[in-house]
Amino acid sequence: MKISYDKEVDAAYISLSDEKPEAAIKIADGVHVDLTSDKRVVGIEILDASKKIPLRTLFTLEFDSELVEA
């Protein structure tokens, strides 16, 4: 996963795959999910990001220990 933020346009992008998106679905105003042709999620775009989420949370890593293999 790769997270990027463009301060000039106030847009955040969460890349979940290196695959090229073929389509996007609007799930909320300024929030789009990028999909492959077979409908796998490859990224999430958030426009006007600073108005929708605390930006510091984009770069904070947390994980559920039950999901991590021992």
Protein backbone atom coordinates (compact mmCIF):
# COMPACT_ATOMS: atom_id res chain seq x y z
CA MET A 1 0.00 0.00 0.00
CA LYS A 2 1.22 3.47 -0.86
CA ILE A 3 -0.34 6.70 0.38
CA SER A 4 0.30 10.04 -1.28
CA TYR A 5 -0.98 13.54 -0.68
CA ASP A 6 -0.82 16.49 -3.07
CA LYS A 7 -0.98 19.69 -1.02
CA GLU A 8 -1.51 21.93 -4.07
CA VAL A 9 -4.81 20.28 -5.00
CA ASP A 10 -5.64 18.90 -1.52
CA ALA A 11 -6.02 15.34 -2.80
CA ALA A 12 -5.01 12.07 -1.16
CA TYR A 13 -4.56 8.76 -2.94
CA ILE A 14 -4.33 5.36 -1.30
CA SER A 15 -2.87 2.88 -3.76
CA LEU A 16 -3.68 -0.72 -2.89
CA SER A 17 -2.15 -2.37 -5.96
CA ASP A 18 0.21 -1.72 -8.86
CA GLU A 19 -2.56 -2.73 -11.25
CA LYS A 20 -3.92 -0.10 -13.61
CA PRO A 21 -7.46 1.05 -12.79
CA GLU A 22 -10.00 0.72 -15.58
CA ALA A 23 -12.93 2.44 -13.87
CA ALA A 24 -13.87 4.52 -10.85
CA ILE A 25 -16.93 4.52 -8.65
CA LYS A 26 -18.02 7.63 -6.76
CA ILE A 27 -18.90 6.53 -3.24
CA ALA A 28 -19.29 10.01 -1.75
CA ASP A 29 -18.78 13.60 -2.82
CA GLY A 30 -15.09 13.75 -3.75
CA VAL A 31 -14.35 10.12 -2.85
CA HIS A 32 -13.72 7.63 -5.63
CA VAL A 33 -12.73 3.96 -5.61
CA ASP A 34 -10.59 2.83 -8.56
CA LEU A 35 -11.30 -0.64 -9.94
CA THR A 36 -9.76 -3.06 -12.42
CA SER A 37 -11.85 -4.41 -15.28
CA ASP A 38 -12.78 -7.40 -13.10
CA LYS A 39 -13.89 -5.08 -10.28
CA ARG A 40 -10.92 -5.48 -7.90
CA VAL A 41 -10.20 -2.37 -5.80
CA VAL A 42 -6.79 -0.86 -6.62
CA GLY A 43 -7.04 2.61 -5.10
CA ILE A 44 -9.03 5.26 -3.28
CA GLU A 45 -8.96 8.95 -4.19
CA ILE A 46 -10.07 11.63 -1.72
CA LEU A 47 -10.55 15.16 -3.07
CA ASP A 48 -10.60 18.10 -0.63
CA ALA A 49 -8.90 15.64 1.70
CA SER A 50 -8.07 18.09 4.48
CA LYS A 51 -11.78 18.89 4.81
CA LYS A 52 -12.81 15.23 5.01
CA ILE A 53 -10.16 13.57 7.19
CA PRO A 54 -7.42 14.57 9.63
CA LEU A 55 -4.40 14.39 7.31
CA ARG A 56 -2.08 13.13 10.06
CA THR A 57 -4.10 9.90 10.14
CA LEU A 58 -3.07 9.15 6.55
CA PHE A 59 0.48 8.55 7.67
CA THR A 60 -0.14 6.68 10.93
CA LEU A 61 0.24 2.92 10.83
CA GLU A 62 -1.98 0.73 12.97
CA PHE A 63 -2.86 -2.91 12.49
CA ASP A 64 -5.02 -5.53 14.08
CA SER A 65 -2.72 -8.11 15.67
CA GLU A 66 -5.19 -10.88 14.81
CA LEU A 67 -4.51 -10.27 11.13
CA VAL A 68 -0.73 -10.61 11.40
CA GLU A 69 0.67 -14.09 10.98
CA ALA A 70 2.99 -15.29 13.73
